[in-house]
Amino acid sequence: MTSTKLIAGLIIFSSYAGHAQFKNYSDHYVNNKGVNIHYVTKGSGPTLVFLHGFPDFWFTWKYQMDKLSENYRVVGIDLRAYNKSDGPEATEAYQMIELMSDVLAVIKDLEVDKVTLVGNDWGGAIAWQIATYYPDKVSGLIACNIPHPKSLSNYLNAHPETANYTKKNKATNATEYWTIRQLMEASGANEHELSSFYQSAFETSHIQGMLNYYEASYPKPSKGASLSNTIERKIKCPVLMIHGMKDTAFPPGTLNDHWLWIENSFTLHTYPDAGHFIQREEPEKVFYQIQQWLTDQYKKENKQN
């Protein structure tokens, strides 16, 4: 990465690093084929990698990361085009294989063999793919309001109207529509007690890049790109799903048939009054389910060893 990017990133981070909310977080960048990916870390122990969705940034997981950092090393990644990560212009730069490579680059930079992936929305979609195609890198998968790609594909084929929300993200005037104000509203950040950090992150983000996620994968993936519609391999690692049932993007029907694609243990917790950003809508409940599930998984591992 260039020294300019590093200096700029450190200046931006230092502007809020002194805030009590960011105590003990370390700021990092990794260069993945010319694209600088930003991530933060805290704590020590088994590694948990948190991936956000649209529109969001790593901070969406901060409640859970803070609490889990007492026993784990928590890692929050800014996906490409978000916050302080680079946002390439080309649509092809947002093919699923490129999105996966960013996370794999971070895992390599962390110098660990395996991690537990925790994802919401696009971050969860990336996590499902990595767990499928790079099982040697993933010890566990936690998917929050993001169904398995095959289950989602089957549901959308039967209910194409559910994917209508992607149209506004692919429209020619999409970048004009997605103002900072719209991003704040769509993310629910206006209701967050630290909404100023969201506004700063969105001002730093690359809007066109954020929209290119949809352009590269909907309605069909770009050539040689997304693997989401061709998954046939089953998930090898244990899976925890946490789902808010009021999610209009991924309604309850998208949860069908997951056992067909997971050959390890599968746990599902649903919350009837929560929506898409369940990690912020029900932060304590999500933390509790993650903590309990991780504890159970490590107990099983210890018995096997």
C-alpha atoms as a PDB file:
ATOM      1  CA  MET A   1       0.000   0.000   0.000  1.00  0.00           C
ATOM      2  CA  THR A   2       1.116   3.551  -0.555  1.00  0.00           C
ATOM      3  CA  SER A   3       2.411   5.633   2.309  1.00  0.00           C
ATOM      4  CA  THR A   4      -0.314   8.184   1.518  1.00  0.00           C
ATOM      5  CA  LYS A   5      -3.013   5.579   2.060  1.00  0.00           C
ATOM      6  CA  LEU A   6      -1.382   4.402   5.281  1.00  0.00           C
ATOM      7  CA  ILE A   7      -1.004   7.918   6.662  1.00  0.00           C
ATOM      8  CA  ALA A   8      -4.558   8.853   5.691  1.00  0.00           C
ATOM      9  CA  GLY A   9      -5.894   5.696   7.271  1.00  0.00           C
ATOM     10  CA  LEU A  10      -4.019   6.292  10.493  1.00  0.00           C
ATOM     11  CA  ILE A  11      -5.246   9.881  10.646  1.00  0.00           C
ATOM     12  CA  ILE A  12      -8.853   8.794  10.174  1.00  0.00           C
ATOM     13  CA  PHE A  13      -8.513   5.999  12.700  1.00  0.00           C
ATOM     14  CA  SER A  14      -6.745   8.211  15.233  1.00  0.00           C
ATOM     15  CA  SER A  15      -9.652  10.648  15.043  1.00  0.00           C
ATOM     16  CA  TYR A  16     -11.798   8.107  16.858  1.00  0.00           C
ATOM     17  CA  ALA A  17      -9.256   5.664  18.268  1.00  0.00           C
ATOM     18  CA  GLY A  18      -8.998   7.783  21.383  1.00  0.00           C
ATOM     19  CA  HIS A  19     -12.710   7.368  21.974  1.00  0.00           C
ATOM     20  CA  ALA A  20     -13.520   4.920  24.752  1.00  0.00           C
ATOM     21  CA  GLN A  21     -15.520   2.846  22.267  1.00  0.00           C
ATOM     22  CA  PHE A  22     -12.299   1.941  20.411  1.00  0.00           C
ATOM     23  CA  LYS A  23     -10.034   1.172  23.349  1.00  0.00           C
ATOM     24  CA  ASN A  24      -7.559  -1.660  22.696  1.00  0.00           C
ATOM     25  CA  TYR A  25      -8.436  -2.027  18.999  1.00  0.00           C
ATOM     26  CA  SER A  26      -5.496  -2.308  16.599  1.00  0.00           C
ATOM     27  CA  ASP A  27      -5.686  -0.954  13.057  1.00  0.00           C
ATOM     28  CA  HIS A  28      -4.318  -3.012  10.125  1.00  0.00           C
ATOM     29  CA  TYR A  29      -4.140  -3.073   6.321  1.00  0.00           C
ATOM     30  CA  VAL A  30      -3.359  -5.930   3.973  1.00  0.00           C
ATOM     31  CA  ASN A  31      -2.695  -5.490   0.258  1.00  0.00           C
ATOM     32  CA  ASN A  32      -4.584  -8.050  -1.828  1.00  0.00           C
ATOM     33  CA  LYS A  33      -3.535  -7.861  -5.465  1.00  0.00           C
ATOM     34  CA  GLY A  34      -3.304  -4.076  -5.311  1.00  0.00           C
ATOM     35  CA  VAL A  35      -6.451  -3.561  -3.219  1.00  0.00           C
ATOM     36  CA  ASN A  36      -5.865  -2.375   0.343  1.00  0.00           C
ATOM     37  CA  ILE A  37      -8.200  -4.021   2.836  1.00  0.00           C
ATOM     38  CA  HIS A  38      -8.610  -2.505   6.288  1.00  0.00           C
ATOM     39  CA  TYR A  39      -9.319  -4.522   9.406  1.00  0.00           C
ATOM     40  CA  VAL A  40      -9.181  -4.124  13.174  1.00  0.00           C
ATOM     41  CA  THR A  41      -8.269  -6.610  15.888  1.00  0.00           C
ATOM     42  CA  LYS A  42      -8.718  -6.941  19.633  1.00  0.00           C
ATOM     43  CA  GLY A  43      -8.080  -9.628  22.236  1.00  0.00           C
ATOM     44  CA  SER A  44      -6.293 -12.967  22.049  1.00  0.00           C
ATOM     45  CA  GLY A  45      -7.262 -16.597  21.682  1.00  0.00           C
ATOM     46  CA  PRO A  46      -9.060 -18.485  18.895  1.00  0.00           C
ATOM     47  CA  THR A  47      -9.707 -16.141  15.973  1.00  0.00           C
ATOM     48  CA  LEU A  48     -13.176 -14.903  15.026  1.00  0.00           C
ATOM     49  CA  VAL A  49     -13.472 -12.949  11.762  1.00  0.00           C
ATOM     50  CA  PHE A  50     -16.500 -10.658  11.433  1.00  0.00           C
ATOM     51  CA  LEU A  51     -17.865  -9.619   8.020  1.00  0.00           C
ATOM     52  CA  HIS A  52     -20.477  -6.905   7.508  1.00  0.00           C
ATOM     53  CA  GLY A  53     -23.036  -6.363   4.762  1.00  0.00           C
ATOM     54  CA  PHE A  54     -24.680  -3.514   2.820  1.00  0.00           C
ATOM     55  CA  PRO A  55     -24.665  -0.737   3.825  1.00  0.00           C
ATOM     56  CA  ASP A  56     -22.418  -1.085   6.851  1.00  0.00           C
ATOM     57  CA  PHE A  57     -18.819  -1.433   8.044  1.00  0.00           C
ATOM     58  CA  TRP A  58     -16.923  -3.466  10.643  1.00  0.00           C
ATOM     59  CA  PHE A  59     -18.364  -1.387  13.495  1.00  0.00           C
ATOM     60  CA  THR A  60     -21.722  -3.158  13.122  1.00  0.00           C
ATOM     61  CA  TRP A  61     -20.256  -6.078  15.119  1.00  0.00           C
ATOM     62  CA  LYS A  62     -18.596  -3.999  17.804  1.00  0.00           C
ATOM     63  CA  TYR A  63     -20.958  -4.972  20.629  1.00  0.00           C
ATOM     64  CA  GLN A  64     -20.279  -8.666  20.085  1.00  0.00           C
ATOM     65  CA  MET A  65     -16.581  -8.111  19.360  1.00  0.00           C
ATOM     66  CA  ASP A  66     -16.030  -6.201  22.597  1.00  0.00           C
ATOM     67  CA  LYS A  67     -17.547  -8.938  24.741  1.00  0.00           C
ATOM     68  CA  LEU A  68     -16.039 -11.858  22.861  1.00  0.00           C
ATOM     69  CA  SER A  69     -12.562 -10.286  22.933  1.00  0.00           C
ATOM     70  CA  GLU A  70     -12.287 -11.373  26.573  1.00  0.00           C
ATOM     71  CA  ASN A  71     -11.712 -14.943  25.361  1.00  0.00           C
ATOM     72  CA  TYR A  72     -11.038 -14.651  21.632  1.00  0.00           C
ATOM     73  CA  ARG A  73      -9.083 -12.629  19.118  1.00  0.00           C
ATOM     74  CA  VAL A  74     -11.788 -10.741  17.254  1.00  0.00           C
ATOM     75  CA  VAL A  75     -11.208  -9.346  13.778  1.00  0.00           C
ATOM     76  CA  GLY A  76     -13.493  -6.879  12.006  1.00  0.00           C
ATOM     77  CA  ILE A  77     -12.965  -6.408   8.271  1.00  0.00           C
ATOM     78  CA  ASP A  78     -14.076  -3.484   6.121  1.00  0.00           C
ATOM     79  CA  LEU A  79     -15.106  -5.199   2.880  1.00  0.00           C
ATOM     80  CA  ARG A  80     -13.731  -3.650  -0.295  1.00  0.00           C
ATOM     81  CA  ALA A  81     -15.358  -0.295  -1.107  1.00  0.00           C
ATOM     82  CA  TYR A  82     -16.379   0.230   2.516  1.00  0.00           C
ATOM     83  CA  ASN A  83     -14.990   2.686   5.042  1.00  0.00           C
ATOM     84  CA  LYS A  84     -11.171   2.597   4.825  1.00  0.00           C
ATOM     85  CA  SER A  85     -10.763  -0.290   2.377  1.00  0.00           C
ATOM     86  CA  ASP A  86     -10.076   0.486  -1.283  1.00  0.00           C
ATOM     87  CA  GLY A  87     -12.941   0.520  -3.762  1.00  0.00           C
ATOM     88  CA  PRO A  88     -11.846  -0.509  -7.271  1.00  0.00           C
ATOM     89  CA  GLU A  89     -13.966   0.928 -10.090  1.00  0.00           C
ATOM     90  CA  ALA A  90     -14.364  -2.153 -12.302  1.00  0.00           C
ATOM     91  CA  THR A  91     -17.461  -4.293 -11.786  1.00  0.00           C
ATOM     92  CA  GLU A  92     -15.313  -7.397 -12.228  1.00  0.00           C
ATOM     93  CA  ALA A  93     -13.431  -6.443  -9.064  1.00  0.00           C
ATOM     94  CA  TYR A  94     -16.550  -7.407  -7.102  1.00  0.00           C
ATOM     95  CA  GLN A  95     -16.948 -10.941  -8.362  1.00  0.00           C
ATOM     96  CA  MET A  96     -17.373 -13.388  -5.507  1.00  0.00           C
ATOM     97  CA  ILE A  97     -13.972 -14.919  -6.073  1.00  0.00           C
ATOM     98  CA  GLU A  98     -12.382 -11.491  -5.504  1.00  0.00           C
ATOM     99  CA  LEU A  99     -14.452 -10.851  -2.382  1.00  0.00           C
ATOM    100  CA  MET A 100     -13.369 -14.197  -0.973  1.00  0.00           C
ATOM    101  CA  SER A 101      -9.741 -13.475  -1.762  1.00  0.00           C
ATOM    102  CA  ASP A 102      -9.846 -10.342   0.414  1.00  0.00           C
ATOM    103  CA  VAL A 103     -10.914 -12.346   3.455  1.00  0.00           C
ATOM    104  CA  LEU A 104      -8.392 -15.074   2.708  1.00  0.00           C
ATOM    105  CA  ALA A 105      -5.681 -12.404   2.478  1.00  0.00           C
ATOM    106  CA  VAL A 106      -6.618 -11.146   5.936  1.00  0.00           C
ATOM    107  CA  ILE A 107      -6.588 -14.690   7.340  1.00  0.00           C
ATOM    108  CA  LYS A 108      -3.112 -15.168   5.892  1.00  0.00           C
ATOM    109  CA  ASP A 109      -2.009 -11.839   7.355  1.00  0.00           C
ATOM    110  CA  LEU A 110      -3.270 -12.980  10.774  1.00  0.00           C
ATOM    111  CA  GLU A 111      -0.955 -16.002  10.537  1.00  0.00           C
ATOM    112  CA  VAL A 112      -3.550 -18.516  11.697  1.00  0.00           C
ATOM    113  CA  ASP A 113      -4.540 -21.846  10.201  1.00  0.00           C
ATOM    114  CA  LYS A 114      -8.291 -21.652  10.800  1.00  0.00           C
ATOM    115  CA  VAL A 115     -10.871 -19.087  11.855  1.00  0.00           C
ATOM    116  CA  THR A 116     -14.532 -18.931  12.734  1.00  0.00           C
ATOM    117  CA  LEU A 117     -16.343 -16.702  10.246  1.00  0.00           C
ATOM    118  CA  VAL A 118     -19.215 -14.495  11.403  1.00  0.00           C
ATOM    119  CA  GLY A 119     -21.183 -12.712   8.687  1.00  0.00           C
ATOM    120  CA  ASN A 120     -24.289 -10.668   7.956  1.00  0.00           C
ATOM    121  CA  ASP A 121     -25.769  -9.993   4.511  1.00  0.00           C
ATOM    122  CA  TRP A 122     -22.941  -9.781   1.920  1.00  0.00           C
ATOM    123  CA  GLY A 123     -20.404 -10.651   4.595  1.00  0.00           C
ATOM    124  CA  GLY A 124     -22.368 -13.794   5.329  1.00  0.00           C
ATOM    125  CA  ALA A 125     -22.617 -14.647   1.629  1.00  0.00           C
ATOM    126  CA  ILE A 126     -18.831 -14.450   1.393  1.00  0.00           C
ATOM    127  CA  ALA A 127     -18.492 -16.560   4.539  1.00  0.00           C
ATOM    128  CA  TRP A 128     -20.738 -19.317   3.124  1.00  0.00           C
ATOM    129  CA  GLN A 129     -18.596 -19.469  -0.016  1.00  0.00           C
ATOM    130  CA  ILE A 130     -15.300 -19.604   1.861  1.00  0.00           C
ATOM    131  CA  ALA A 131     -16.625 -22.330   4.158  1.00  0.00           C
ATOM    132  CA  THR A 132     -17.653 -24.304   1.075  1.00  0.00           C
ATOM    133  CA  TYR A 133     -14.570 -23.902  -1.103  1.00  0.00           C
ATOM    134  CA  TYR A 134     -11.855 -23.425   1.531  1.00  0.00           C
ATOM    135  CA  PRO A 135     -12.931 -25.788   4.346  1.00  0.00           C
ATOM    136  CA  ASP A 136      -9.346 -26.049   5.580  1.00  0.00           C
ATOM    137  CA  LYS A 137      -9.518 -22.360   6.565  1.00  0.00           C
ATOM    138  CA  VAL A 138     -12.794 -22.458   8.503  1.00  0.00           C
ATOM    139  CA  SER A 139     -13.439 -24.104  11.872  1.00  0.00           C
ATOM    140  CA  GLY A 140     -16.967 -22.736  12.175  1.00  0.00           C
ATOM    141  CA  LEU A 141     -19.520 -20.515  10.449  1.00  0.00           C
ATOM    142  CA  ILE A 142     -21.998 -18.116  12.047  1.00  0.00           C
ATOM    143  CA  ALA A 143     -24.503 -16.645   9.584  1.00  0.00           C
ATOM    144  CA  CYS A 144     -26.695 -13.777  10.772  1.00  0.00           C
ATOM    145  CA  ASN A 145     -29.616 -13.016   8.477  1.00  0.00           C
ATOM    146  CA  ILE A 146     -28.017 -14.570   5.450  1.00  0.00           C
ATOM    147  CA  PRO A 147     -29.198 -17.974   4.171  1.00  0.00           C
ATOM    148  CA  HIS A 148     -27.069 -20.537   2.381  1.00  0.00           C
ATOM    149  CA  PRO A 149     -26.635 -19.451  -1.269  1.00  0.00           C
ATOM    150  CA  LYS A 150     -28.381 -22.556  -2.592  1.00  0.00           C
ATOM    151  CA  SER A 151     -31.376 -22.143  -0.297  1.00  0.00           C
ATOM    152  CA  LEU A 152     -31.555 -18.461  -1.218  1.00  0.00           C
ATOM    153  CA  SER A 153     -31.316 -19.240  -4.930  1.00  0.00           C
ATOM    154  CA  ASN A 154     -34.114 -21.802  -4.700  1.00  0.00           C
ATOM    155  CA  TYR A 155     -36.342 -19.344  -2.852  1.00  0.00           C
ATOM    156  CA  LEU A 156     -35.681 -16.478  -5.276  1.00  0.00           C
ATOM    157  CA  ASN A 157     -36.440 -18.722  -8.239  1.00  0.00           C
ATOM    158  CA  ALA A 158     -39.835 -19.448  -6.693  1.00  0.00           C
ATOM    159  CA  HIS A 159     -40.396 -15.878  -5.447  1.00  0.00           C
ATOM    160  CA  PRO A 160     -38.558 -13.533  -7.859  1.00  0.00           C
ATOM    161  CA  GLU A 161     -40.363 -10.504  -6.438  1.00  0.00           C
ATOM    162  CA  THR A 162     -38.283 -10.888  -3.277  1.00  0.00           C
ATOM    163  CA  ALA A 163     -35.194  -9.760  -5.189  1.00  0.00           C
ATOM    164  CA  ASN A 164     -36.819  -6.534  -6.386  1.00  0.00           C
ATOM    165  CA  TYR A 165     -34.773  -4.573  -3.864  1.00  0.00           C
ATOM    166  CA  THR A 166     -31.659  -5.334  -5.906  1.00  0.00           C
ATOM    167  CA  LYS A 167     -33.045  -3.420  -8.895  1.00  0.00           C
ATOM    168  CA  LYS A 168     -32.505  -0.008  -7.324  1.00  0.00           C
ATOM    169  CA  ASN A 169     -28.903  -1.010  -6.644  1.00  0.00           C
ATOM    170  CA  LYS A 170     -28.392  -1.828 -10.328  1.00  0.00           C
ATOM    171  CA  ALA A 171     -30.239   1.145 -11.828  1.00  0.00           C
ATOM    172  CA  THR A 172     -28.282   3.724 -13.810  1.00  0.00           C
ATOM    173  CA  ASN A 173     -29.098   6.391 -11.234  1.00  0.00           C
ATOM    174  CA  ALA A 174     -28.282   4.184  -8.246  1.00  0.00           C
ATOM    175  CA  THR A 175     -25.255   6.222  -7.197  1.00  0.00           C
ATOM    176  CA  GLU A 176     -27.432   9.335  -7.129  1.00  0.00           C
ATOM    177  CA  TYR A 177     -30.083   7.569  -5.071  1.00  0.00           C
ATOM    178  CA  TRP A 178     -27.657   6.282  -2.458  1.00  0.00           C
ATOM    179  CA  THR A 179     -26.759   9.516  -0.754  1.00  0.00           C
ATOM    180  CA  ILE A 180     -25.178   9.487   2.693  1.00  0.00           C
ATOM    181  CA  ARG A 181     -28.624  10.200   4.075  1.00  0.00           C
ATOM    182  CA  GLN A 182     -30.108   7.161   2.303  1.00  0.00           C
ATOM    183  CA  LEU A 183     -27.252   4.940   3.450  1.00  0.00           C
ATOM    184  CA  MET A 184     -27.754   6.059   7.031  1.00  0.00           C
ATOM    185  CA  GLU A 185     -31.480   5.353   6.812  1.00  0.00           C
ATOM    186  CA  ALA A 186     -31.122   1.960   5.103  1.00  0.00           C
ATOM    187  CA  SER A 187     -28.502   0.780   7.577  1.00  0.00           C
ATOM    188  CA  GLY A 188     -30.488   1.896  10.584  1.00  0.00           C
ATOM    189  CA  ALA A 189     -27.431   3.878  11.663  1.00  0.00           C
ATOM    190  CA  ASN A 190     -29.560   6.927  12.419  1.00  0.00           C
ATOM    191  CA  GLU A 191     -30.811   5.061  15.467  1.00  0.00           C
ATOM    192  CA  HIS A 192     -27.328   4.051  16.622  1.00  0.00           C
ATOM    193  CA  GLU A 193     -25.947   5.912  19.618  1.00  0.00           C
ATOM    194  CA  LEU A 194     -22.702   6.471  17.716  1.00  0.00           C
ATOM    195  CA  SER A 195     -24.247   7.371  14.365  1.00  0.00           C
ATOM    196  CA  SER A 196     -21.490   9.913  13.709  1.00  0.00           C
ATOM    197  CA  PHE A 197     -19.048   7.047  13.136  1.00  0.00           C
ATOM    198  CA  TYR A 198     -21.370   5.570  10.519  1.00  0.00           C
ATOM    199  CA  GLN A 199     -21.653   8.882   8.727  1.00  0.00           C
ATOM    200  CA  SER A 200     -17.869   9.221   8.686  1.00  0.00           C
ATOM    201  CA  ALA A 201     -17.505   5.662   7.353  1.00  0.00           C
ATOM    202  CA  PHE A 202     -20.063   6.191   4.579  1.00  0.00           C
ATOM    203  CA  GLU A 203     -18.426   9.461   3.560  1.00  0.00           C
ATOM    204  CA  THR A 204     -15.156   7.556   3.169  1.00  0.00           C
ATOM    205  CA  SER A 205     -16.745   4.615   1.322  1.00  0.00           C
ATOM    206  CA  HIS A 206     -16.960   4.164  -2.447  1.00  0.00           C
ATOM    207  CA  ILE A 207     -20.652   4.169  -3.381  1.00  0.00           C
ATOM    208  CA  GLN A 208     -20.195   2.757  -6.884  1.00  0.00           C
ATOM    209  CA  GLY A 209     -18.075  -0.054  -5.505  1.00  0.00           C
ATOM    210  CA  MET A 210     -20.737  -0.899  -2.931  1.00  0.00           C
ATOM    211  CA  LEU A 211     -23.300  -1.143  -5.734  1.00  0.00           C
ATOM    212  CA  ASN A 212     -20.973  -3.219  -7.894  1.00  0.00           C
ATOM    213  CA  TYR A 213     -21.521  -6.144  -5.520  1.00  0.00           C
ATOM    214  CA  TYR A 214     -25.036  -6.379  -6.966  1.00  0.00           C
ATOM    215  CA  GLU A 215     -23.986  -5.631 -10.534  1.00  0.00           C
ATOM    216  CA  ALA A 216     -21.477  -8.494 -10.437  1.00  0.00           C
ATOM    217  CA  SER A 217     -23.870 -11.086  -9.004  1.00  0.00           C
ATOM    218  CA  TYR A 218     -27.483 -10.265  -9.927  1.00  0.00           C
ATOM    219  CA  PRO A 219     -29.479 -11.620 -11.653  1.00  0.00           C
ATOM    220  CA  LYS A 220     -26.690 -13.906 -12.801  1.00  0.00           C
ATOM    221  CA  PRO A 221     -23.025 -13.825 -11.785  1.00  0.00           C
ATOM    222  CA  SER A 222     -20.448 -12.344 -14.122  1.00  0.00           C
ATOM    223  CA  LYS A 223     -18.500 -14.835 -16.191  1.00  0.00           C
ATOM    224  CA  GLY A 224     -16.055 -16.746 -14.033  1.00  0.00           C
ATOM    225  CA  ALA A 225     -17.214 -14.786 -11.031  1.00  0.00           C
ATOM    226  CA  SER A 226     -19.713 -15.697  -8.337  1.00  0.00           C
ATOM    227  CA  LEU A 227     -19.937 -19.274  -7.185  1.00  0.00           C
ATOM    228  CA  SER A 228     -23.237 -18.652  -5.438  1.00  0.00           C
ATOM    229  CA  ASN A 229     -25.463 -20.409  -7.960  1.00  0.00           C
ATOM    230  CA  THR A 230     -23.205 -23.390  -8.528  1.00  0.00           C
ATOM    231  CA  ILE A 231     -22.595 -24.615  -4.989  1.00  0.00           C
ATOM    232  CA  GLU A 232     -22.922 -28.383  -4.849  1.00  0.00           C
ATOM    233  CA  ARG A 233     -20.392 -29.164  -2.153  1.00  0.00           C
ATOM    234  CA  LYS A 234     -21.660 -29.415   1.391  1.00  0.00           C
ATOM    235  CA  ILE A 235     -20.453 -27.352   4.322  1.00  0.00           C
ATOM    236  CA  LYS A 236     -17.953 -29.363   6.379  1.00  0.00           C
ATOM    237  CA  CYS A 237     -17.792 -27.170   9.489  1.00  0.00           C
ATOM    238  CA  PRO A 238     -20.385 -26.620  12.253  1.00  0.00           C
ATOM    239  CA  VAL A 239     -22.891 -23.882  11.414  1.00  0.00           C
ATOM    240  CA  LEU A 240     -24.864 -21.483  13.595  1.00  0.00           C
ATOM    241  CA  MET A 241     -27.599 -19.403  11.987  1.00  0.00           C
ATOM    242  CA  ILE A 242     -29.265 -16.461  13.741  1.00  0.00           C
ATOM    243  CA  HIS A 243     -32.170 -14.929  11.857  1.00  0.00           C
ATOM    244  CA  GLY A 244     -34.525 -12.015  12.403  1.00  0.00           C
ATOM    245  CA  MET A 245     -37.866 -13.054  10.935  1.00  0.00           C
ATOM    246  CA  LYS A 246     -38.918  -9.524   9.949  1.00  0.00           C
ATOM    247  CA  ASP A 247     -36.142  -9.331   7.356  1.00  0.00           C
ATOM    248  CA  THR A 248     -37.811  -8.317   4.076  1.00  0.00           C
ATOM    249  CA  ALA A 249     -34.670  -9.070   2.052  1.00  0.00           C
ATOM    250  CA  PHE A 250     -34.385 -12.616   3.409  1.00  0.00           C
ATOM    251  CA  PRO A 251     -37.860 -13.654   4.625  1.00  0.00           C
ATOM    252  CA  PRO A 252     -38.486 -16.840   6.646  1.00  0.00           C
ATOM    253  CA  GLY A 253     -38.900 -18.948   3.510  1.00  0.00           C
ATOM    254  CA  THR A 254     -35.207 -18.522   2.705  1.00  0.00           C
ATOM    255  CA  LEU A 255     -34.399 -20.705   5.720  1.00  0.00           C
ATOM    256  CA  ASN A 256     -35.833 -23.851   4.125  1.00  0.00           C
ATOM    257  CA  ASP A 257     -33.762 -26.968   3.409  1.00  0.00           C
ATOM    258  CA  HIS A 258     -30.473 -25.859   4.964  1.00  0.00           C
ATOM    259  CA  TRP A 259     -29.808 -29.355   6.278  1.00  0.00           C
ATOM    260  CA  LEU A 260     -29.388 -30.447   2.658  1.00  0.00           C
ATOM    261  CA  TRP A 261     -26.232 -28.332   2.340  1.00  0.00           C
ATOM    262  CA  ILE A 262     -24.617 -28.847   5.735  1.00  0.00           C
ATOM    263  CA  GLU A 263     -23.132 -32.185   6.730  1.00  0.00           C
ATOM    264  CA  ASN A 264     -21.906 -31.077  10.151  1.00  0.00           C
ATOM    265  CA  SER A 265     -23.930 -29.827  13.126  1.00  0.00           C
ATOM    266  CA  PHE A 266     -26.480 -27.134  12.287  1.00  0.00           C
ATOM    267  CA  THR A 267     -28.076 -24.807  14.853  1.00  0.00           C
ATOM    268  CA  LEU A 268     -30.762 -22.230  14.034  1.00  0.00           C
ATOM    269  CA  HIS A 269     -32.114 -19.489  16.310  1.00  0.00           C
ATOM    270  CA  THR A 270     -34.880 -17.194  15.064  1.00  0.00           C
ATOM    271  CA  TYR A 271     -36.214 -13.957  16.535  1.00  0.00           C
ATOM    272  CA  PRO A 272     -39.739 -12.968  15.468  1.00  0.00           C
ATOM    273  CA  ASP A 273     -39.389  -9.233  16.119  1.00  0.00           C
ATOM    274  CA  ALA A 274     -35.920  -8.661  14.641  1.00  0.00           C
ATOM    275  CA  GLY A 275     -35.053  -7.607  11.109  1.00  0.00           C
ATOM    276  CA  HIS A 276     -32.065  -7.608   8.770  1.00  0.00           C
ATOM    277  CA  PHE A 277     -29.402  -6.080  11.032  1.00  0.00           C
ATOM    278  CA  ILE A 278     -30.025  -8.450  13.913  1.00  0.00           C
ATOM    279  CA  GLN A 279     -26.544  -7.932  15.378  1.00  0.00           C
ATOM    280  CA  ARG A 280     -27.528  -4.328  16.148  1.00  0.00           C
ATOM    281  CA  GLU A 281     -31.240  -4.877  16.756  1.00  0.00           C
ATOM    282  CA  GLU A 282     -30.668  -7.656  19.296  1.00  0.00           C
ATOM    283  CA  PRO A 283     -26.996  -7.215  20.254  1.00  0.00           C
ATOM    284  CA  GLU A 284     -27.074  -9.014  23.601  1.00  0.00           C
ATOM    285  CA  LYS A 285     -29.066 -11.971  22.287  1.00  0.00           C
ATOM    286  CA  VAL A 286     -26.748 -12.370  19.311  1.00  0.00           C
ATOM    287  CA  PHE A 287     -23.710 -12.195  21.594  1.00  0.00           C
ATOM    288  CA  TYR A 288     -25.210 -14.785  23.924  1.00  0.00           C
ATOM    289  CA  GLN A 289     -25.992 -17.240  21.112  1.00  0.00           C
ATOM    290  CA  ILE A 290     -22.527 -16.843  19.604  1.00  0.00           C
ATOM    291  CA  GLN A 291     -20.806 -17.247  22.957  1.00  0.00           C
ATOM    292  CA  GLN A 292     -22.807 -20.348  23.906  1.00  0.00           C
ATOM    293  CA  TRP A 293     -22.328 -21.942  20.511  1.00  0.00           C
ATOM    294  CA  LEU A 294     -18.575 -21.324  20.525  1.00  0.00           C
ATOM    295  CA  THR A 295     -18.289 -22.743  24.038  1.00  0.00           C
ATOM    296  CA  ASP A 296     -20.159 -25.871  22.962  1.00  0.00           C
ATOM    297  CA  GLN A 297     -17.984 -26.285  19.878  1.00  0.00           C
ATOM    298  CA  TYR A 298     -14.738 -26.065  21.828  1.00  0.00           C
ATOM    299  CA  LYS A 299     -16.047 -28.537  24.405  1.00  0.00           C
ATOM    300  CA  LYS A 300     -16.750 -30.988  21.574  1.00  0.00           C
ATOM    301  CA  GLU A 301     -13.276 -30.443  20.138  1.00  0.00           C
ATOM    302  CA  ASN A 302     -11.631 -31.061  23.505  1.00  0.00           C
ATOM    303  CA  LYS A 303     -13.564 -34.322  23.945  1.00  0.00           C
ATOM    304  CA  GLN A 304     -12.499 -35.487  20.492  1.00  0.00           C
ATOM    305  CA  ASN A 305      -8.875 -34.671  21.249  1.00  0.00           C
END
